């Protein structure tokens, strides 16, 4: 069901899927996440596979799709596992990693938000001579989905979890969907049920209206690990930063930026 927040819907044109390319050299999320994971407890979060070196004895640089998560960290506490502890540990690591957050802030302020502003202006939702205030989720959520496994994210819309209509979801893949066979599947509009894979690659960030469009991620049957970042961006006049749906936990922390 579409939520009843005090926010209002963004213009229909902005709610459609939209892909934006960026320089992976200038905004090297892959390397920053590699460094972050290397600083984590390998027994709790995981480690990179050791790859054979060449004749000179050097080894290949770690790749995110070669990250291995311990079995116990894929199992819930009620089954004597540590998945909840691992998730909290990783969330705390991301929230305190100033280098990663600095890169993320720069990416939002130089790429995502200016482009979002242009799109708002192009549909007449904002004037060219006026500043627009955005509220973006910070830190973003890191998704780690090792394979082979049967687990998958069921179809849902984010209104079910208390998210508003006046924001967009952003999906930033860090690994190749061609290698893992895993993708984000989204319906074209609320209730349509016409799910399709978005097909975004590393070096692209995709926006869609996740509050109303149901979406899911399929199971990873490959031998590799799927990783991605996701975050939400609200827009002043459409998004209410003080609103919270009854019965939900606190929303992700937001940073306010005016452009």
Protein backbone atom coordinates (compact mmCIF):
# COMPACT_ATOMS: atom_id res chain seq x y z
CA UNK A 1 0.00 0.00 0.00
CA UNK A 2 1.22 3.50 -0.81
CA UNK A 3 2.09 5.23 2.45
CA UNK A 4 0.23 8.21 3.83
CA UNK A 5 3.15 10.40 4.80
CA UNK A 6 2.79 14.15 4.87
CA UNK A 7 5.22 14.22 1.95
CA UNK A 8 3.91 14.51 -1.59
CA UNK A 9 4.83 12.56 -4.69
CA UNK A 10 7.69 13.65 -6.86
CA UNK A 11 6.69 14.41 -10.48
CA UNK A 12 5.88 11.21 -12.37
CA UNK A 13 8.75 11.70 -14.83
CA UNK A 14 11.29 11.70 -11.99
CA UNK A 15 9.87 8.46 -10.57
CA UNK A 16 10.80 6.53 -13.69
CA UNK A 17 14.03 4.52 -13.68
CA UNK A 18 17.01 6.65 -14.63
CA UNK A 19 20.64 5.59 -15.04
CA UNK A 20 23.59 7.93 -14.59
CA UNK A 21 27.20 7.07 -15.47
CA UNK A 22 30.19 8.28 -13.46
CA UNK A 23 33.99 7.98 -13.53
CA UNK A 24 35.10 4.92 -11.57
CA UNK A 25 38.62 6.36 -11.49
CA UNK A 26 37.49 9.60 -9.86
CA UNK A 27 34.93 7.94 -7.59
CA UNK A 28 36.62 4.63 -6.77
CA UNK A 29 34.04 3.00 -4.51
CA UNK A 30 35.44 -0.46 -5.26
CA UNK A 31 38.83 0.32 -3.73
CA UNK A 32 37.37 2.15 -0.73
CA UNK A 33 35.09 -0.80 0.07
CA UNK A 34 38.01 -3.22 -0.37
CA UNK A 35 40.01 -1.19 2.15
CA UNK A 36 37.05 -1.00 4.53
CA UNK A 37 36.49 -4.77 4.41
CA UNK A 38 40.20 -5.45 4.89
CA UNK A 39 40.00 -3.47 8.14
CA UNK A 40 37.13 -5.62 9.44
CA UNK A 41 37.33 -8.76 11.56
CA UNK A 42 37.81 -11.65 9.11
CA UNK A 43 36.21 -14.09 11.56
CA UNK A 44 33.03 -12.03 11.73
CA UNK A 45 32.70 -10.19 8.41
CA UNK A 46 34.92 -12.18 6.06
CA UNK A 47 38.05 -12.03 3.93
CA UNK A 48 39.20 -12.06 0.32
CA UNK A 49 40.08 -15.30 -1.44
CA UNK A 50 43.82 -15.82 -1.84
CA UNK A 51 44.57 -15.90 -5.56
CA UNK A 52 47.64 -17.46 -7.12
CA UNK A 53 50.26 -14.97 -8.21
CA UNK A 54 52.08 -14.81 -11.52
CA UNK A 55 55.64 -15.98 -12.12
CA UNK A 56 57.03 -12.93 -10.35
CA UNK A 57 55.23 -13.91 -7.17
CA UNK A 58 52.90 -10.89 -7.12
CA UNK A 59 49.23 -11.40 -6.37
CA UNK A 60 46.17 -9.91 -7.98
CA UNK A 61 44.50 -6.98 -6.27
CA UNK A 62 41.51 -8.00 -4.12
CA UNK A 63 38.18 -7.90 -5.92
CA UNK A 64 34.83 -7.52 -4.18
CA UNK A 65 33.30 -10.50 -5.98
CA UNK A 66 36.03 -12.67 -4.38
CA UNK A 67 35.03 -11.74 -0.83
CA UNK A 68 34.08 -14.72 1.35
CA UNK A 69 31.69 -14.40 4.31
CA UNK A 70 31.95 -16.96 7.16
CA UNK A 71 29.06 -19.42 7.31
CA UNK A 72 28.24 -18.45 10.90
CA UNK A 73 27.83 -14.82 9.79
CA UNK A 74 25.14 -15.89 7.31
CA UNK A 75 23.08 -17.58 10.03
CA UNK A 76 20.73 -15.86 12.46
CA UNK A 77 21.30 -15.72 16.22
CA UNK A 78 18.27 -17.94 16.85
CA UNK A 79 20.11 -20.62 14.83
CA UNK A 80 23.34 -20.02 16.80
CA UNK A 81 24.73 -17.79 14.07
CA UNK A 82 26.11 -14.26 14.07
CA UNK A 83 24.43 -12.51 11.13
CA UNK A 84 22.96 -9.74 13.30
CA UNK A 85 26.30 -9.09 15.02
CA UNK A 86 28.11 -9.04 11.67
CA UNK A 87 25.61 -6.60 10.18
CA UNK A 88 25.87 -4.24 13.16
CA UNK A 89 29.68 -4.45 13.15
CA UNK A 90 29.80 -3.62 9.44
CA UNK A 91 27.27 -0.77 9.80
CA UNK A 92 29.38 0.76 12.57
CA UNK A 93 32.52 0.42 10.44
CA UNK A 94 30.93 2.21 7.49
CA UNK A 95 29.52 4.98 9.68
CA UNK A 96 32.98 5.70 11.12
CA UNK A 97 35.05 5.39 7.93
CA UNK A 98 35.83 9.03 7.16
CA UNK A 99 37.65 8.27 3.90
CA UNK A 100 34.73 6.32 2.51
CA UNK A 101 32.19 8.90 3.73
CA UNK A 102 34.27 11.69 2.21
CA UNK A 103 34.16 9.95 -1.16
CA UNK A 104 30.43 9.36 -0.80
CA UNK A 105 29.76 13.01 0.10
CA UNK A 106 31.80 14.20 -2.87
CA UNK A 107 29.93 11.83 -5.19
CA UNK A 108 26.56 13.12 -3.97
CA UNK A 109 27.51 16.79 -4.08
CA UNK A 110 29.32 16.64 -7.44
CA UNK A 111 27.31 14.03 -9.38
CA UNK A 112 24.01 12.84 -7.92
CA UNK A 113 22.50 16.01 -6.45
CA UNK A 114 23.41 18.42 -9.30
CA UNK A 115 21.91 15.98 -11.78
CA UNK A 116 18.83 15.51 -9.60
CA UNK A 117 18.44 19.30 -9.50
CA UNK A 118 18.64 19.51 -13.29
CA UNK A 119 15.92 16.89 -13.60
CA UNK A 120 13.67 18.76 -11.15
CA UNK A 121 14.14 21.94 -13.18
CA UNK A 122 13.51 20.19 -16.48
CA UNK A 123 10.02 19.07 -15.36
CA UNK A 124 9.15 22.45 -13.83
CA UNK A 125 9.37 21.29 -10.22
CA UNK A 126 12.08 23.83 -9.37
CA UNK A 127 13.15 27.25 -10.61
CA UNK A 128 16.59 27.67 -12.12
CA UNK A 129 17.45 30.66 -9.90
CA UNK A 130 16.45 29.06 -6.58
CA UNK A 131 18.40 26.70 -4.31
CA UNK A 132 16.98 23.23 -3.68
CA UNK A 133 17.44 21.44 -0.36
CA UNK A 134 18.14 17.71 -0.45
CA UNK A 135 18.17 15.19 2.39
CA UNK A 136 20.38 12.23 1.53
CA UNK A 137 20.89 9.04 3.48
CA UNK A 138 24.34 8.94 5.08
CA UNK A 139 25.96 6.50 5.34
CA UNK A 140 24.63 4.45 2.44
CA UNK A 141 23.79 0.77 2.93
CA UNK A 142 26.34 -1.80 1.77
CA UNK A 143 24.75 -5.04 0.54
CA UNK A 144 26.85 -8.23 0.54
CA UNK A 145 25.30 -11.32 -1.03
CA UNK A 146 27.65 -14.30 -1.25
CA UNK A 147 26.96 -17.34 -3.38
CA UNK A 148 26.05 -20.00 -4.00
CA UNK A 149 22.95 -19.61 -1.85
CA UNK A 150 19.18 -19.80 -2.05
CA UNK A 151 18.55 -16.63 -0.06
CA UNK A 152 16.96 -13.68 -1.86
CA UNK A 153 15.25 -10.37 -1.06
CA UNK A 154 11.49 -10.73 -1.53
CA UNK A 155 9.46 -8.23 -3.55
CA UNK A 156 8.51 -5.19 -1.49
CA UNK A 157 8.04 -1.45 -1.67
CA UNK A 158 9.75 0.78 0.86
CA UNK A 159 6.50 2.35 2.05
CA UNK A 160 6.10 -0.92 3.97
CA UNK A 161 9.10 0.16 6.06
CA UNK A 162 8.01 3.76 6.61
CA UNK A 163 9.70 5.49 3.68
CA UNK A 164 8.10 8.49 2.05
CA UNK A 165 6.84 9.38 -1.42
CA UNK A 166 9.03 12.47 -1.77
CA UNK A 167 12.33 10.64 -2.22
CA UNK A 168 14.13 8.47 -4.76
CA UNK A 169 16.10 5.27 -4.23
CA UNK A 170 19.59 5.01 -5.72
CA UNK A 171 21.23 1.66 -6.53
CA UNK A 172 24.99 1.58 -7.17
CA UNK A 173 26.35 -1.87 -8.15
CA UNK A 174 29.92 -2.68 -7.11
CA UNK A 175 30.15 -6.06 -8.88
CA UNK A 176 29.02 -7.38 -12.26
CA UNK A 177 25.52 -8.82 -12.60
CA UNK A 178 26.87 -10.81 -15.56
CA UNK A 179 29.33 -12.59 -13.26
CA UNK A 180 26.97 -13.29 -10.34
CA UNK A 181 23.67 -13.56 -12.19
CA UNK A 182 22.19 -11.25 -9.55
CA UNK A 183 20.32 -8.06 -10.38
CA UNK A 184 17.81 -5.63 -8.98
CA UNK A 185 14.33 -6.35 -10.36
CA UNK A 186 11.80 -3.48 -10.34
CA UNK A 187 8.21 -3.05 -11.50
CA UNK A 188 7.45 -0.07 -13.77
CA UNK A 189 4.81 1.43 -11.48
CA UNK A 190 2.98 0.60 -8.26
CA UNK A 191 1.15 -2.71 -8.54
CA UNK A 192 2.12 -3.40 -12.15
CA UNK A 193 3.96 -6.61 -11.32
CA UNK A 194 5.99 -6.34 -14.54
CA UNK A 195 9.35 -6.97 -12.90
CA UNK A 196 12.45 -6.57 -15.02
CA UNK A 197 16.20 -6.55 -14.26
CA UNK A 198 17.64 -3.04 -14.30
CA UNK A 199 20.93 -4.22 -15.79
CA UNK A 200 23.05 -1.50 -14.16
CA UNK A 201 26.81 -2.04 -14.27
CA UNK A 202 29.70 -0.85 -12.12
CA UNK A 203 30.21 2.80 -13.06
CA UNK A 204 26.48 3.48 -13.11
CA UNK A 205 24.00 4.56 -10.45
CA UNK A 206 20.30 3.97 -11.03
CA UNK A 207 17.39 5.87 -9.47
CA UNK A 208 13.81 4.63 -9.09
CA UNK A 209 10.81 5.31 -6.88
CA UNK A 210 11.26 2.51 -4.37
CA UNK A 211 8.56 3.78 -1.99
CA UNK A 212 5.87 2.70 -4.43
CA UNK A 213 7.53 0.46 -7.04
CA UNK A 214 8.03 -3.02 -5.67
CA UNK A 215 11.52 -4.45 -6.15
CA UNK A 216 13.61 -7.45 -5.20
CA UNK A 217 17.02 -9.07 -5.66
CA UNK A 218 17.21 -12.65 -6.94
CA UNK A 219 19.24 -15.47 -5.39
CA UNK A 220 22.96 -15.73 -6.06
CA UNK A 221 23.70 -19.17 -7.51
CA UNK A 222 27.24 -18.25 -8.61
CA UNK A 223 30.54 -18.87 -6.86
CA UNK A 224 31.07 -15.12 -6.51
CA UNK A 225 29.80 -12.43 -4.13
CA UNK A 226 27.42 -9.68 -5.19
CA UNK A 227 27.91 -6.23 -3.62
CA UNK A 228 26.14 -2.91 -4.05
CA UNK A 229 25.48 0.37 -2.29
CA UNK A 230 22.04 1.90 -1.98
CA UNK A 231 20.74 5.13 -0.51
CA UNK A 232 17.77 7.48 -0.69
CA UNK A 233 17.51 11.18 -1.46
CA UNK A 234 14.57 13.34 -0.37
CA UNK A 235 13.71 16.75 -1.81
CA UNK A 236 12.46 19.76 0.17
CA UNK A 237 8.84 20.50 -0.64
CA UNK A 238 8.19 16.80 -1.27
CA UNK A 239 10.00 15.15 1.63
CA UNK A 240 9.32 15.70 5.35
CA UNK A 241 12.57 15.16 7.33
CA UNK A 242 10.72 15.05 10.66
CA UNK A 243 8.12 12.43 9.71
CA UNK A 244 8.19 8.83 10.92
CA UNK A 245 5.60 6.10 10.49
CA UNK A 246 4.20 4.67 13.72
CA UNK A 247 5.68 1.29 14.58
CA UNK A 248 8.91 1.74 12.61
CA UNK A 249 12.41 2.22 13.94
CA UNK A 250 14.28 5.43 13.24
CA UNK A 251 15.02 6.16 9.60
CA UNK A 252 18.56 6.20 8.28
CA UNK A 253 20.44 9.34 9.26
CA UNK A 254 20.27 12.11 6.67
CA UNK A 255 22.57 14.91 5.61
CA UNK A 256 20.99 18.19 4.50
CA UNK A 257 22.54 19.92 1.48
CA UNK A 258 21.29 22.94 -0.46
CA UNK A 259 22.30 23.49 -4.08
